[in-house]
Every structure is written in C-alpha cells, then in structure tokens.
Amino acid sequence: MAFQQGESLYLQGEDGKRYWFRYDPGMIKLGGMGTIDGNRFAGLEDGDMLEVAGRRFNVFRPGVIEMISSLDRGAQIITPKDACAIIMECDVHAGSRVVEVGAGSGGLTTALLRAVAPSGHVHTVELKEMNAEKALKNVSRVGLDKYWSYQIGDAKTVAVDFDDADVITTDMPDVENALDNLVPHLRNGGRFCAYVPNCNQLENAVRALRDKGFTDVRSMEILRRGMDVHPGGVRPSFEMLGHTGYLTFARKRSC
C-alpha cells in the first residue's frame, strides 16, 4: 500500500542509519540531511528505494521495534524483550483499555499503544512531569498519541482518571503499596503486571497480589542471547541482554 499523508516513516541508508520524518507533500526536513521534496514519496510503498544526493536509501514504515529503538531517551525504558512478554501475558490487543504506571521515556507505552490501536486506549500515571513530556514527544512522533492520555501523580494515592481497565501494568519498586489504590480500577478478570528490578521487591509484589486475592500469580525473568552467524561457523554471541527486571503476572477475580 502506498504511503499516506501524515504517516511516520524513515529512510535507511546502506550504512543502516535511519532518518525519521512525517510524510507530507511539501518540503520535509530530515535531521542531518537537510530537506527533501515530499512529492518524491508519492506512490512509493514500504521498502522502495529512493536516491537522495547520489546516495541510495530505502523508505520504510516503522514497526514497534524500530519505534522503541529510536526513542529520545531520558529515563530507563522497559526493553522490547520484556515489553513483548507483557503484551502477550496480559493479552493486550486492539480495543484493550490499559492503565500503565510509570512512563519512563515511553518504551513500553509505545508498545502498548501500538497493540491497542485503533480502538483501545492507554492511560499512564507518571510521577514526574519531565518523564511524561518526554514520553509524549516520543509517542507523538510516531503518531500514537491519539490513543494515549496521562496524569501526574503518585500511583499510591492519586485519583486515577480511568476505570474498568482490562490491564494494569506497573513499573515501580514498591507496587505492593499501590494496590489498594489501583486494583479498584481493574475489571474482574483483568490482568495485572508488576515489573521490579530486585528479588526482594519481587517477593513483596507476589505476596501482596496473593493477599489481594489475585489468581494465576506467576513470575519470570526474560533473557535474550543473539547468534553470531558467519560462513562456516555459527555460535552463540559472547554478549547477551541478561537481567533487566522481574515480571509478575496475575489475574483479578471477584471476591
């Protein structure tokens, strides 16, 4: 399908470097490359080649992996290996209503928004205004802000402006202290995810969820190791993305 006006796209050179832009028939500014006539993208489709100033580029629609990798970073993000587990384990899909606690720089926010679009919504409770502003900049750049809202406050006490959520996902060290405030906003049968960095925090989260009557409480850690593939030799990479955080999933039942 040909590109549509307003789409978020990127040019990728033979060196792998990406140049992001919003498609418009007028003049488009490309950071680090100057400007280009947007009419040159008319009729082009995903993966087509374009020559700019004597250099060859391919133009692509971004997937969620490219969106997350291109974030303007501030606070630490939940990595794609954990974000995809959250989306799968919490059954986040088009139309889902999600409450997210902690936006960071918008990594998980981006993944959640892409999953719930075009008929769902993500509402984020963020403690710091500067994090919310960074996340808003990032989700707006890829055109996902229309499915997002946020409020500033402490998840342990703030009056959450969102009810009947299908999913609540939290990125905070002491989630056990926020359950009394958050759980009423989750529908019966809804799913809860707690992301914490340390083992003692994991234990506290699990104990608290069980005490609240949640069922199917289970925890995991996701590790990712790449493969080095060369002619005549294939082996696991010496480097791997190891511990980032512990994930606990649970499901709310009626009392």
Protein backbone atom coordinates (compact mmCIF):
# COMPACT_ATOMS: atom_id res chain seq x y z
CA MET A 1 0.00 0.00 0.00
CA ALA A 2 1.32 3.43 -0.94
CA PHE A 3 2.33 5.80 1.83
CA GLN A 4 -0.38 8.10 3.17
CA GLN A 5 -0.01 11.73 4.18
CA GLY A 6 0.82 12.08 7.87
CA GLU A 7 2.44 8.66 8.22
CA SER A 8 5.61 8.34 10.29
CA LEU A 9 8.34 6.86 8.07
CA TYR A 10 12.09 6.56 7.95
CA LEU A 11 14.80 6.47 5.30
CA GLN A 12 17.53 3.90 5.86
CA GLY A 13 20.87 4.18 4.11
CA GLU A 14 23.20 1.37 3.11
CA ASP A 15 25.10 2.02 6.34
CA GLY A 16 21.94 1.25 8.36
CA LYS A 17 21.47 4.80 9.64
CA ARG A 18 17.85 5.94 9.85
CA TYR A 19 16.34 9.36 9.15
CA TRP A 20 12.84 9.80 10.54
CA PHE A 21 10.15 12.06 9.07
CA ARG A 22 6.40 12.57 8.75
CA TYR A 23 5.25 12.18 5.14
CA ASP A 24 3.86 15.37 3.67
CA PRO A 25 3.67 16.51 0.02
CA GLY A 26 5.52 19.73 0.89
CA MET A 27 9.16 20.18 1.80
CA ILE A 28 10.26 17.75 4.53
CA LYS A 29 13.13 18.40 6.90
CA LEU A 30 15.35 15.39 7.56
CA GLY A 31 17.63 15.77 10.55
CA GLY A 32 21.25 15.52 9.39
CA MET A 33 20.29 15.52 5.68
CA GLY A 34 18.62 18.87 5.02
CA THR A 35 15.28 18.98 3.19
CA ILE A 36 13.62 16.84 0.53
CA ASP A 37 10.56 17.36 -1.65
CA GLY A 38 7.78 15.23 -0.14
CA ASN A 39 6.30 14.67 -3.59
CA ARG A 40 9.16 12.25 -4.24
CA PHE A 41 7.46 9.78 -1.89
CA ALA A 42 4.14 9.86 -3.77
CA GLY A 43 3.22 6.36 -4.91
CA LEU A 44 6.10 4.71 -3.05
CA GLU A 45 5.47 1.67 -0.88
CA ASP A 46 7.13 0.01 2.10
CA GLY A 47 10.74 -0.93 1.28
CA ASP A 48 11.02 1.03 -2.00
CA MET A 49 14.36 2.55 -2.97
CA LEU A 50 14.99 6.27 -3.37
CA GLU A 51 18.15 8.08 -4.41
CA VAL A 52 18.95 11.26 -2.50
CA ALA A 53 22.04 13.38 -3.31
CA GLY A 54 23.66 10.44 -5.04
CA ARG A 55 23.06 8.04 -2.14
CA ARG A 56 20.69 5.08 -2.12
CA PHE A 57 18.06 4.79 0.60
CA ASN A 58 15.11 2.55 1.30
CA VAL A 59 11.99 4.05 2.82
CA PHE A 60 10.15 2.01 5.45
CA ARG A 61 7.10 2.09 7.66
CA PRO A 62 8.33 1.52 11.23
CA GLY A 63 7.35 -1.45 13.34
CA VAL A 64 7.23 -1.22 17.11
CA ILE A 65 10.87 -2.42 17.38
CA GLU A 66 12.07 0.49 15.24
CA MET A 67 9.86 2.89 17.16
CA ILE A 68 11.31 1.85 20.52
CA SER A 69 14.91 1.81 19.27
CA SER A 70 14.54 5.39 18.03
CA LEU A 71 13.15 6.89 21.24
CA ASP A 72 14.60 10.09 22.58
CA ARG A 73 15.89 8.57 25.80
CA GLY A 74 15.72 10.07 29.25
CA ALA A 75 14.59 7.68 31.94
CA GLN A 76 15.37 3.98 31.52
CA ILE A 77 12.87 2.10 29.34
CA ILE A 78 11.36 -1.36 29.66
CA THR A 79 13.20 -3.23 26.89
CA PRO A 80 11.45 -4.92 23.94
CA LYS A 81 12.19 -8.42 25.32
CA ASP A 82 10.14 -7.58 28.43
CA ALA A 83 7.57 -5.43 26.62
CA CYS A 84 6.60 -8.26 24.26
CA ALA A 85 6.14 -10.61 27.22
CA ILE A 86 3.88 -8.06 28.93
CA ILE A 87 1.73 -7.68 25.82
CA MET A 88 1.42 -11.45 25.35
CA GLU A 89 0.89 -12.40 29.01
CA CYS A 90 -1.62 -9.60 29.58
CA ASP A 91 -3.47 -10.30 26.31
CA VAL A 92 -3.16 -6.67 25.16
CA HIS A 93 -4.85 -6.31 21.78
CA ALA A 94 -6.80 -3.84 19.66
CA GLY A 95 -9.51 -2.35 21.85
CA SER A 96 -7.82 -3.09 25.19
CA ARG A 97 -8.05 -0.50 27.95
CA VAL A 98 -4.74 -0.27 29.79
CA VAL A 99 -3.54 1.63 32.85
CA GLU A 100 0.24 1.99 32.88
CA VAL A 101 2.12 3.16 35.96
CA GLY A 102 5.42 4.80 35.05
CA ALA A 103 6.04 6.13 31.55
CA GLY A 104 9.83 6.44 31.69
CA SER A 105 10.81 7.55 28.19
CA GLY A 106 7.82 5.81 26.63
CA GLY A 107 9.25 2.44 25.58
CA LEU A 108 6.51 0.21 26.97
CA THR A 109 4.00 2.99 26.33
CA THR A 110 4.83 2.84 22.62
CA ALA A 111 4.46 -0.94 22.51
CA LEU A 112 1.14 -0.83 24.39
CA LEU A 113 -0.25 1.92 22.17
CA ARG A 114 0.67 0.04 19.01
CA ALA A 115 -1.09 -3.04 20.39
CA VAL A 116 -4.35 -1.32 21.48
CA ALA A 117 -4.78 0.84 18.36
CA PRO A 118 -7.05 1.82 16.73
CA SER A 119 -9.92 1.19 19.15
CA GLY A 120 -8.24 0.94 22.57
CA HIS A 121 -6.62 3.36 24.96
CA VAL A 122 -3.64 3.59 27.31
CA HIS A 123 -3.77 5.86 30.36
CA THR A 124 -0.46 6.44 32.14
CA VAL A 125 0.09 7.53 35.72
CA GLU A 126 3.53 9.15 35.88
CA LEU A 127 5.23 10.62 38.93
CA LYS A 128 7.44 13.11 37.07
CA GLU A 129 6.23 15.71 34.61
CA MET A 130 9.50 15.65 32.65
CA ASN A 131 9.11 11.91 32.01
CA ALA A 132 5.55 12.38 30.77
CA GLU A 133 6.65 15.19 28.47
CA LYS A 134 9.45 13.02 27.05
CA ALA A 135 7.04 10.13 26.50
CA LEU A 136 4.51 12.44 24.85
CA LYS A 137 7.17 13.69 22.45
CA ASN A 138 8.10 10.12 21.55
CA VAL A 139 4.58 8.75 21.04
CA SER A 140 3.54 11.86 19.10
CA ARG A 141 6.46 11.48 16.69
CA VAL A 142 5.17 8.07 15.62
CA GLY A 143 1.51 9.12 15.54
CA LEU A 144 0.29 7.12 18.54
CA ASP A 145 -0.62 10.00 20.86
CA LYS A 146 -4.30 9.89 19.83
CA TYR A 147 -4.67 6.65 21.83
CA TRP A 148 -2.90 7.96 24.94
CA SER A 149 -3.65 10.06 27.99
CA TYR A 150 -1.65 10.66 31.14
CA GLN A 151 -1.83 12.24 34.55
CA ILE A 152 0.85 13.28 37.01
CA GLY A 153 0.76 11.79 40.48
CA ASP A 154 1.86 9.07 42.86
CA ALA A 155 0.18 5.77 41.98
CA LYS A 156 -0.15 5.00 45.69
CA THR A 157 -2.51 7.93 46.33
CA VAL A 158 -3.59 9.70 43.13
CA ALA A 159 -7.21 9.54 42.00
CA VAL A 160 -6.76 7.55 38.78
CA ASP A 161 -8.77 9.07 35.92
CA PHE A 162 -9.55 5.73 34.29
CA ASP A 163 -11.91 2.88 35.22
CA ASP A 164 -12.81 -0.60 34.02
CA ALA A 165 -9.29 -1.32 32.75
CA ASP A 166 -8.54 -4.68 31.12
CA VAL A 167 -4.90 -4.45 32.16
CA ILE A 168 -2.81 -2.62 34.74
CA THR A 169 0.95 -2.70 34.31
CA THR A 170 3.35 -1.11 36.80
CA ASP A 171 7.00 -0.13 36.76
CA MET A 172 7.63 0.88 40.37
CA PRO A 173 9.74 -0.68 43.15
CA ASP A 174 7.03 -0.84 45.83
CA VAL A 175 3.92 -1.79 43.89
CA GLU A 176 2.52 -3.53 46.98
CA ASN A 177 1.86 -0.07 48.45
CA ALA A 178 -0.18 0.99 45.41
CA LEU A 179 -2.54 -1.99 45.09
CA ASP A 180 -5.28 -0.55 47.31
CA ASN A 181 -5.41 2.49 45.03
CA LEU A 182 -5.01 0.73 41.68
CA VAL A 183 -6.94 -2.54 41.91
CA PRO A 184 -10.43 -0.91 42.01
CA HIS A 185 -9.74 0.44 38.52
CA LEU A 186 -9.18 -3.08 37.10
CA ARG A 187 -12.22 -5.05 35.96
CA ASN A 188 -12.88 -8.56 37.27
CA GLY A 189 -10.98 -10.96 35.05
CA GLY A 190 -8.49 -8.23 34.20
CA ARG A 191 -4.75 -8.82 34.24
CA PHE A 192 -2.05 -7.22 36.35
CA CYS A 193 1.68 -6.95 35.65
CA ALA A 194 4.34 -5.82 38.11
CA TYR A 195 7.85 -5.06 36.81
CA VAL A 196 10.54 -4.73 39.50
CA PRO A 197 14.37 -4.86 39.38
CA ASN A 198 15.22 -6.71 42.62
CA CYS A 199 14.39 -10.09 44.17
CA ASN A 200 13.09 -8.69 47.46
CA GLN A 201 10.74 -6.39 45.53
CA LEU A 202 9.54 -9.38 43.52
CA GLU A 203 8.70 -11.27 46.71
CA ASN A 204 6.81 -8.28 48.11
CA ALA A 205 4.80 -7.92 44.90
CA VAL A 206 3.86 -11.60 44.77
CA ARG A 207 2.84 -11.71 48.44
CA ALA A 208 0.70 -8.60 48.07
CA LEU A 209 -1.08 -9.85 44.93
CA ARG A 210 -1.87 -13.17 46.61
CA ASP A 211 -3.12 -11.36 49.71
CA LYS A 212 -5.42 -9.30 47.47
CA GLY A 213 -7.00 -12.48 46.15
CA PHE A 214 -5.44 -12.48 42.69
CA THR A 215 -5.16 -15.83 40.94
CA ASP A 216 -2.66 -17.27 38.41
CA VAL A 217 0.16 -15.35 40.11
CA ARG A 218 3.44 -16.25 38.44
CA SER A 219 6.83 -14.61 37.97
CA MET A 220 9.60 -14.81 35.40
CA GLU A 221 12.79 -13.29 34.07
CA ILE A 222 13.43 -12.99 30.34
CA LEU A 223 16.98 -13.37 28.97
CA ARG A 224 17.99 -12.83 25.35
CA ARG A 225 21.14 -14.02 23.60
CA GLY A 226 21.90 -13.43 19.94
CA MET A 227 23.65 -15.74 17.49
CA ASP A 228 26.78 -14.92 15.51
CA VAL A 229 26.33 -16.37 12.01
CA HIS A 230 29.32 -16.48 9.63
CA PRO A 231 30.17 -18.67 6.65
CA GLY A 232 31.36 -21.98 8.09
CA GLY A 233 30.67 -21.03 11.70
CA VAL A 234 27.62 -20.36 13.88
CA ARG A 235 27.81 -19.85 17.63
CA PRO A 236 26.01 -18.02 20.44
CA SER A 237 27.15 -14.46 20.96
CA PHE A 238 29.53 -13.81 23.84
CA GLU A 239 27.27 -10.89 24.81
CA MET A 240 23.66 -11.17 25.89
CA LEU A 241 20.90 -8.98 27.25
CA GLY A 242 20.54 -10.51 30.68
CA HIS A 243 18.78 -9.21 33.76
CA THR A 244 16.68 -6.11 33.30
CA GLY A 245 13.79 -6.80 35.66
CA TYR A 246 11.47 -9.42 37.11
CA LEU A 247 7.95 -9.75 35.76
CA THR A 248 4.98 -10.89 37.82
CA PHE A 249 1.61 -11.56 36.21
CA ALA A 250 -1.72 -12.13 37.93
CA ARG A 251 -5.44 -12.09 37.22
CA LYS A 252 -8.18 -10.40 39.22
CA ARG A 253 -11.14 -12.42 40.40
CA SER A 254 -14.29 -11.30 42.15
CA CYS A 255 -14.27 -11.66 45.92
